[in-house]
């Protein structure tokens, strides 16, 4: 239809802007700010007032809030808190308990930080711990990745936020499935990965 062709044109403009950003030097945010206005531009009319009214703001607000959790966690000093509390405990343990504790800490951090924030927050302290214990730092980075893949609530992973916000899964069912997956991940890590490394 005519509206679909106009939408494809606008999408092509967005992709072209992104691909040529290194040439024109304008921030990427501009096109994402202007693209919705292009949908309503006279002559294009790829969107209508009725289609704008169908957008569920509840979903957008929920998703934005969940993604903001990681930003807030970093800005309120979660990294400093981790350094002050976990370093004395972890540095007195051996390599295997440190790996297990790293998974637990990363999984707990997932409640307040996004995965990328966990990597940014925990990487330097864990590398210091690995150095102190004479371990390869990659081992603790892998344990961090495994731990950040352990989750209990939908807000911990953006994909699940989308699924949950559209009502495709209930909180009760999500917690059951996520807890089972987390337990299996932890068991595989402890029973297969750690013995393989050591």
C-alpha atoms as a PDB file:
ATOM      1  CA  UNK A   1       0.000   0.000   0.000  1.00  0.00           C
ATOM      2  CA  UNK A   2       0.933   3.655  -0.251  1.00  0.00           C
ATOM      3  CA  UNK A   3       1.514   3.950   3.516  1.00  0.00           C
ATOM      4  CA  UNK A   4       3.867   0.948   3.493  1.00  0.00           C
ATOM      5  CA  UNK A   5       5.928   2.469   0.675  1.00  0.00           C
ATOM      6  CA  UNK A   6       6.182   5.730   2.616  1.00  0.00           C
ATOM      7  CA  UNK A   7       7.204   3.811   5.746  1.00  0.00           C
ATOM      8  CA  UNK A   8       9.924   2.019   3.754  1.00  0.00           C
ATOM      9  CA  UNK A   9      11.196   5.385   2.486  1.00  0.00           C
ATOM     10  CA  UNK A  10      11.411   6.719   6.031  1.00  0.00           C
ATOM     11  CA  UNK A  11      13.148   3.522   7.161  1.00  0.00           C
ATOM     12  CA  UNK A  12      15.638   3.916   4.293  1.00  0.00           C
ATOM     13  CA  UNK A  13      16.309   7.502   5.420  1.00  0.00           C
ATOM     14  CA  UNK A  14      16.953   6.285   8.980  1.00  0.00           C
ATOM     15  CA  UNK A  15      19.330   3.526   7.832  1.00  0.00           C
ATOM     16  CA  UNK A  16      21.077   5.943   5.429  1.00  0.00           C
ATOM     17  CA  UNK A  17      21.536   8.482   8.216  1.00  0.00           C
ATOM     18  CA  UNK A  18      23.015   5.829  10.512  1.00  0.00           C
ATOM     19  CA  UNK A  19      25.376   4.489   7.823  1.00  0.00           C
ATOM     20  CA  UNK A  20      26.621   7.972   6.874  1.00  0.00           C
ATOM     21  CA  UNK A  21      27.004   9.264  10.432  1.00  0.00           C
ATOM     22  CA  UNK A  22      30.795   9.151  10.180  1.00  0.00           C
ATOM     23  CA  UNK A  23      30.582  11.464   7.146  1.00  0.00           C
ATOM     24  CA  UNK A  24      28.159  14.121   8.387  1.00  0.00           C
ATOM     25  CA  UNK A  25      29.104  13.869  12.073  1.00  0.00           C
ATOM     26  CA  UNK A  26      25.631  14.642  13.432  1.00  0.00           C
ATOM     27  CA  UNK A  27      24.525  12.713  16.523  1.00  0.00           C
ATOM     28  CA  UNK A  28      22.498   9.549  15.917  1.00  0.00           C
ATOM     29  CA  UNK A  29      19.796  10.788  18.295  1.00  0.00           C
ATOM     30  CA  UNK A  30      18.633  13.381  15.744  1.00  0.00           C
ATOM     31  CA  UNK A  31      17.179  10.861  13.307  1.00  0.00           C
ATOM     32  CA  UNK A  32      15.325   8.967  16.019  1.00  0.00           C
ATOM     33  CA  UNK A  33      13.890  12.248  17.219  1.00  0.00           C
ATOM     34  CA  UNK A  34      12.845  13.380  13.716  1.00  0.00           C
ATOM     35  CA  UNK A  35      11.654  10.051  12.250  1.00  0.00           C
ATOM     36  CA  UNK A  36       8.296   9.992  14.067  1.00  0.00           C
ATOM     37  CA  UNK A  37       7.555  13.489  12.737  1.00  0.00           C
ATOM     38  CA  UNK A  38       8.314  12.305   9.199  1.00  0.00           C
ATOM     39  CA  UNK A  39       5.587   9.688   9.577  1.00  0.00           C
ATOM     40  CA  UNK A  40       3.020  12.501   9.895  1.00  0.00           C
ATOM     41  CA  UNK A  41       4.586  14.755   7.240  1.00  0.00           C
ATOM     42  CA  UNK A  42       2.056  16.037   4.644  1.00  0.00           C
ATOM     43  CA  UNK A  43       2.264  13.960   1.523  1.00  0.00           C
ATOM     44  CA  UNK A  44       3.781  10.967   3.292  1.00  0.00           C
ATOM     45  CA  UNK A  45       1.082  10.408   5.915  1.00  0.00           C
ATOM     46  CA  UNK A  46       2.472   6.988   6.857  1.00  0.00           C
ATOM     47  CA  UNK A  47       0.821   7.383  10.260  1.00  0.00           C
ATOM     48  CA  UNK A  48      -2.449   8.846  11.461  1.00  0.00           C
ATOM     49  CA  UNK A  49      -3.729  10.285  14.701  1.00  0.00           C
ATOM     50  CA  UNK A  50      -5.602   7.026  15.266  1.00  0.00           C
ATOM     51  CA  UNK A  51      -2.420   4.966  14.925  1.00  0.00           C
ATOM     52  CA  UNK A  52      -0.626   7.287  17.368  1.00  0.00           C
ATOM     53  CA  UNK A  53      -3.459   6.873  19.868  1.00  0.00           C
ATOM     54  CA  UNK A  54      -3.047   3.079  19.705  1.00  0.00           C
ATOM     55  CA  UNK A  55       0.518   3.251  21.071  1.00  0.00           C
ATOM     56  CA  UNK A  56       0.554   1.855  24.600  1.00  0.00           C
ATOM     57  CA  UNK A  57       2.450   4.341  26.722  1.00  0.00           C
ATOM     58  CA  UNK A  58       2.341   1.907  29.640  1.00  0.00           C
ATOM     59  CA  UNK A  59       4.629  -0.471  27.745  1.00  0.00           C
ATOM     60  CA  UNK A  60       7.064   2.319  26.821  1.00  0.00           C
ATOM     61  CA  UNK A  61       7.187   3.699  30.366  1.00  0.00           C
ATOM     62  CA  UNK A  62       7.681   0.225  31.860  1.00  0.00           C
ATOM     63  CA  UNK A  63      10.481  -0.647  29.418  1.00  0.00           C
ATOM     64  CA  UNK A  64      12.237   2.680  29.945  1.00  0.00           C
ATOM     65  CA  UNK A  65      12.043   2.289  33.712  1.00  0.00           C
ATOM     66  CA  UNK A  66      13.491  -1.215  33.592  1.00  0.00           C
ATOM     67  CA  UNK A  67      16.369  -0.161  31.352  1.00  0.00           C
ATOM     68  CA  UNK A  68      17.058   2.782  33.659  1.00  0.00           C
ATOM     69  CA  UNK A  69      17.651   0.479  36.634  1.00  0.00           C
ATOM     70  CA  UNK A  70      21.205  -0.273  35.497  1.00  0.00           C
ATOM     71  CA  UNK A  71      22.027   3.398  34.975  1.00  0.00           C
ATOM     72  CA  UNK A  72      20.756   4.291  38.421  1.00  0.00           C
ATOM     73  CA  UNK A  73      22.628   1.380  40.024  1.00  0.00           C
ATOM     74  CA  UNK A  74      25.930   2.613  38.628  1.00  0.00           C
ATOM     75  CA  UNK A  75      25.263   6.279  39.463  1.00  0.00           C
ATOM     76  CA  UNK A  76      24.350   5.608  43.124  1.00  0.00           C
ATOM     77  CA  UNK A  77      27.681   3.878  43.694  1.00  0.00           C
ATOM     78  CA  UNK A  78      26.978   0.166  43.431  1.00  0.00           C
ATOM     79  CA  UNK A  79      30.557  -0.400  42.244  1.00  0.00           C
ATOM     80  CA  UNK A  80      32.030   1.272  45.328  1.00  0.00           C
ATOM     81  CA  UNK A  81      29.636  -0.695  47.531  1.00  0.00           C
ATOM     82  CA  UNK A  82      30.770  -3.929  45.898  1.00  0.00           C
ATOM     83  CA  UNK A  83      34.434  -3.057  46.303  1.00  0.00           C
ATOM     84  CA  UNK A  84      33.986  -2.201  49.995  1.00  0.00           C
ATOM     85  CA  UNK A  85      31.931  -5.262  50.959  1.00  0.00           C
ATOM     86  CA  UNK A  86      32.907  -8.098  48.636  1.00  0.00           C
ATOM     87  CA  UNK A  87      36.650  -7.595  48.236  1.00  0.00           C
ATOM     88  CA  UNK A  88      37.599  -8.554  51.819  1.00  0.00           C
ATOM     89  CA  UNK A  89      35.414 -11.676  51.690  1.00  0.00           C
ATOM     90  CA  UNK A  90      36.346 -12.875  48.208  1.00  0.00           C
ATOM     91  CA  UNK A  91      40.073 -12.201  48.488  1.00  0.00           C
ATOM     92  CA  UNK A  92      40.414 -14.667  51.393  1.00  0.00           C
ATOM     93  CA  UNK A  93      38.940 -17.619  49.448  1.00  0.00           C
ATOM     94  CA  UNK A  94      40.479 -20.086  46.993  1.00  0.00           C
ATOM     95  CA  UNK A  95      39.889 -20.168  43.215  1.00  0.00           C
ATOM     96  CA  UNK A  96      36.873 -22.521  43.139  1.00  0.00           C
ATOM     97  CA  UNK A  97      34.864 -20.754  45.882  1.00  0.00           C
ATOM     98  CA  UNK A  98      35.701 -17.411  44.240  1.00  0.00           C
ATOM     99  CA  UNK A  99      34.268 -18.647  40.924  1.00  0.00           C
ATOM    100  CA  UNK A 100      31.071 -19.827  42.627  1.00  0.00           C
ATOM    101  CA  UNK A 101      30.759 -16.621  44.638  1.00  0.00           C
ATOM    102  CA  UNK A 102      31.320 -14.554  41.482  1.00  0.00           C
ATOM    103  CA  UNK A 103      28.350 -16.256  39.814  1.00  0.00           C
ATOM    104  CA  UNK A 104      26.195 -15.571  42.881  1.00  0.00           C
ATOM    105  CA  UNK A 105      27.305 -11.927  43.080  1.00  0.00           C
ATOM    106  CA  UNK A 106      26.670 -11.374  39.362  1.00  0.00           C
ATOM    107  CA  UNK A 107      23.221 -12.998  39.625  1.00  0.00           C
ATOM    108  CA  UNK A 108      22.348 -10.814  42.615  1.00  0.00           C
ATOM    109  CA  UNK A 109      23.699  -7.739  40.829  1.00  0.00           C
ATOM    110  CA  UNK A 110      21.364  -8.534  37.948  1.00  0.00           C
ATOM    111  CA  UNK A 111      18.504  -7.386  40.158  1.00  0.00           C
ATOM    112  CA  UNK A 112      19.796  -3.799  40.185  1.00  0.00           C
ATOM    113  CA  UNK A 113      22.111  -3.573  37.144  1.00  0.00           C
ATOM    114  CA  UNK A 114      21.859  -4.410  33.470  1.00  0.00           C
ATOM    115  CA  UNK A 115      24.248  -7.034  32.063  1.00  0.00           C
ATOM    116  CA  UNK A 116      26.500  -4.404  30.481  1.00  0.00           C
ATOM    117  CA  UNK A 117      26.543  -2.443  33.759  1.00  0.00           C
ATOM    118  CA  UNK A 118      27.526  -5.642  35.597  1.00  0.00           C
ATOM    119  CA  UNK A 119      30.449  -6.166  33.224  1.00  0.00           C
ATOM    120  CA  UNK A 120      31.537  -2.549  33.597  1.00  0.00           C
ATOM    121  CA  UNK A 121      31.148  -2.606  37.385  1.00  0.00           C
ATOM    122  CA  UNK A 122      32.637  -5.982  38.262  1.00  0.00           C
ATOM    123  CA  UNK A 123      35.382  -6.412  35.649  1.00  0.00           C
ATOM    124  CA  UNK A 124      38.098  -4.300  37.295  1.00  0.00           C
ATOM    125  CA  UNK A 125      37.557  -5.566  40.880  1.00  0.00           C
ATOM    126  CA  UNK A 126      37.386  -9.192  39.744  1.00  0.00           C
ATOM    127  CA  UNK A 127      40.551  -8.792  37.675  1.00  0.00           C
ATOM    128  CA  UNK A 128      42.281  -7.489  40.837  1.00  0.00           C
ATOM    129  CA  UNK A 129      40.977 -10.459  42.832  1.00  0.00           C
ATOM    130  CA  UNK A 130      42.151 -12.895  40.144  1.00  0.00           C
ATOM    131  CA  UNK A 131      45.571 -11.273  40.167  1.00  0.00           C
ATOM    132  CA  UNK A 132      45.775 -11.506  43.970  1.00  0.00           C
ATOM    133  CA  UNK A 133      44.848 -15.218  43.864  1.00  0.00           C
ATOM    134  CA  UNK A 134      47.134 -16.013  40.911  1.00  0.00           C
ATOM    135  CA  UNK A 135      44.150 -16.927  38.732  1.00  0.00           C
ATOM    136  CA  UNK A 136      43.522 -16.234  35.075  1.00  0.00           C
ATOM    137  CA  UNK A 137      41.128 -13.219  35.029  1.00  0.00           C
ATOM    138  CA  UNK A 138      39.219 -14.761  32.104  1.00  0.00           C
ATOM    139  CA  UNK A 139      37.905 -17.410  34.512  1.00  0.00           C
ATOM    140  CA  UNK A 140      36.201 -14.790  36.693  1.00  0.00           C
ATOM    141  CA  UNK A 141      34.970 -12.876  33.632  1.00  0.00           C
ATOM    142  CA  UNK A 142      33.331 -16.082  32.399  1.00  0.00           C
ATOM    143  CA  UNK A 143      31.807 -16.615  35.842  1.00  0.00           C
ATOM    144  CA  UNK A 144      30.470 -13.040  35.671  1.00  0.00           C
ATOM    145  CA  UNK A 145      28.879 -13.707  32.278  1.00  0.00           C
ATOM    146  CA  UNK A 146      27.279 -16.923  33.589  1.00  0.00           C
ATOM    147  CA  UNK A 147      26.003 -15.091  36.676  1.00  0.00           C
ATOM    148  CA  UNK A 148      24.566 -12.214  34.670  1.00  0.00           C
ATOM    149  CA  UNK A 149      22.602 -14.776  32.669  1.00  0.00           C
ATOM    150  CA  UNK A 150      20.866 -15.921  35.867  1.00  0.00           C
ATOM    151  CA  UNK A 151      17.666 -13.971  36.435  1.00  0.00           C
ATOM    152  CA  UNK A 152      14.457 -14.173  38.412  1.00  0.00           C
ATOM    153  CA  UNK A 153      12.296 -11.239  37.246  1.00  0.00           C
ATOM    154  CA  UNK A 154      11.390  -9.874  33.790  1.00  0.00           C
ATOM    155  CA  UNK A 155      13.000  -6.457  34.367  1.00  0.00           C
ATOM    156  CA  UNK A 156      16.454  -8.043  34.344  1.00  0.00           C
ATOM    157  CA  UNK A 157      16.478  -8.689  30.561  1.00  0.00           C
ATOM    158  CA  UNK A 158      15.089  -6.265  27.973  1.00  0.00           C
ATOM    159  CA  UNK A 159      13.615  -9.043  25.808  1.00  0.00           C
ATOM    160  CA  UNK A 160      11.631 -10.378  28.739  1.00  0.00           C
ATOM    161  CA  UNK A 161      10.480  -6.870  29.627  1.00  0.00           C
ATOM    162  CA  UNK A 162       8.842  -6.666  26.198  1.00  0.00           C
ATOM    163  CA  UNK A 163       7.239 -10.103  26.503  1.00  0.00           C
ATOM    164  CA  UNK A 164       5.983  -9.395  30.026  1.00  0.00           C
ATOM    165  CA  UNK A 165       4.763  -5.862  29.297  1.00  0.00           C
ATOM    166  CA  UNK A 166       2.548  -7.144  26.471  1.00  0.00           C
ATOM    167  CA  UNK A 167       1.015  -9.662  28.865  1.00  0.00           C
ATOM    168  CA  UNK A 168       2.365 -12.725  27.057  1.00  0.00           C
ATOM    169  CA  UNK A 169       3.549 -14.319  30.319  1.00  0.00           C
ATOM    170  CA  UNK A 170       2.458 -13.889  33.916  1.00  0.00           C
ATOM    171  CA  UNK A 171       4.863 -12.942  36.681  1.00  0.00           C
ATOM    172  CA  UNK A 172       4.211 -16.268  38.444  1.00  0.00           C
ATOM    173  CA  UNK A 173       5.063 -18.314  35.342  1.00  0.00           C
ATOM    174  CA  UNK A 174       8.100 -16.190  34.565  1.00  0.00           C
ATOM    175  CA  UNK A 175       9.521 -16.597  38.067  1.00  0.00           C
ATOM    176  CA  UNK A 176       9.021 -20.385  37.877  1.00  0.00           C
ATOM    177  CA  UNK A 177      10.745 -20.699  34.490  1.00  0.00           C
ATOM    178  CA  UNK A 178      13.522 -18.226  35.272  1.00  0.00           C
ATOM    179  CA  UNK A 179      14.260 -19.851  38.630  1.00  0.00           C
ATOM    180  CA  UNK A 180      14.460 -23.288  37.006  1.00  0.00           C
ATOM    181  CA  UNK A 181      16.777 -21.945  34.299  1.00  0.00           C
ATOM    182  CA  UNK A 182      18.940 -20.203  36.918  1.00  0.00           C
ATOM    183  CA  UNK A 183      19.247 -23.391  38.993  1.00  0.00           C
ATOM    184  CA  UNK A 184      20.190 -25.421  35.902  1.00  0.00           C
ATOM    185  CA  UNK A 185      22.740 -22.792  34.841  1.00  0.00           C
ATOM    186  CA  UNK A 186      24.291 -22.761  38.303  1.00  0.00           C
ATOM    187  CA  UNK A 187      24.382 -26.583  38.461  1.00  0.00           C
ATOM    188  CA  UNK A 188      26.024 -26.867  35.025  1.00  0.00           C
ATOM    189  CA  UNK A 189      28.555 -24.211  36.025  1.00  0.00           C
ATOM    190  CA  UNK A 190      29.465 -25.966  39.285  1.00  0.00           C
ATOM    191  CA  UNK A 191      29.365 -29.559  38.042  1.00  0.00           C
ATOM    192  CA  UNK A 192      30.791 -29.211  34.518  1.00  0.00           C
ATOM    193  CA  UNK A 193      32.545 -25.903  33.898  1.00  0.00           C
ATOM    194  CA  UNK A 194      34.546 -25.564  37.121  1.00  0.00           C
ATOM    195  CA  UNK A 195      35.808 -29.205  37.040  1.00  0.00           C
ATOM    196  CA  UNK A 196      36.743 -28.653  33.391  1.00  0.00           C
ATOM    197  CA  UNK A 197      38.773 -25.542  34.304  1.00  0.00           C
ATOM    198  CA  UNK A 198      40.422 -27.070  37.378  1.00  0.00           C
END
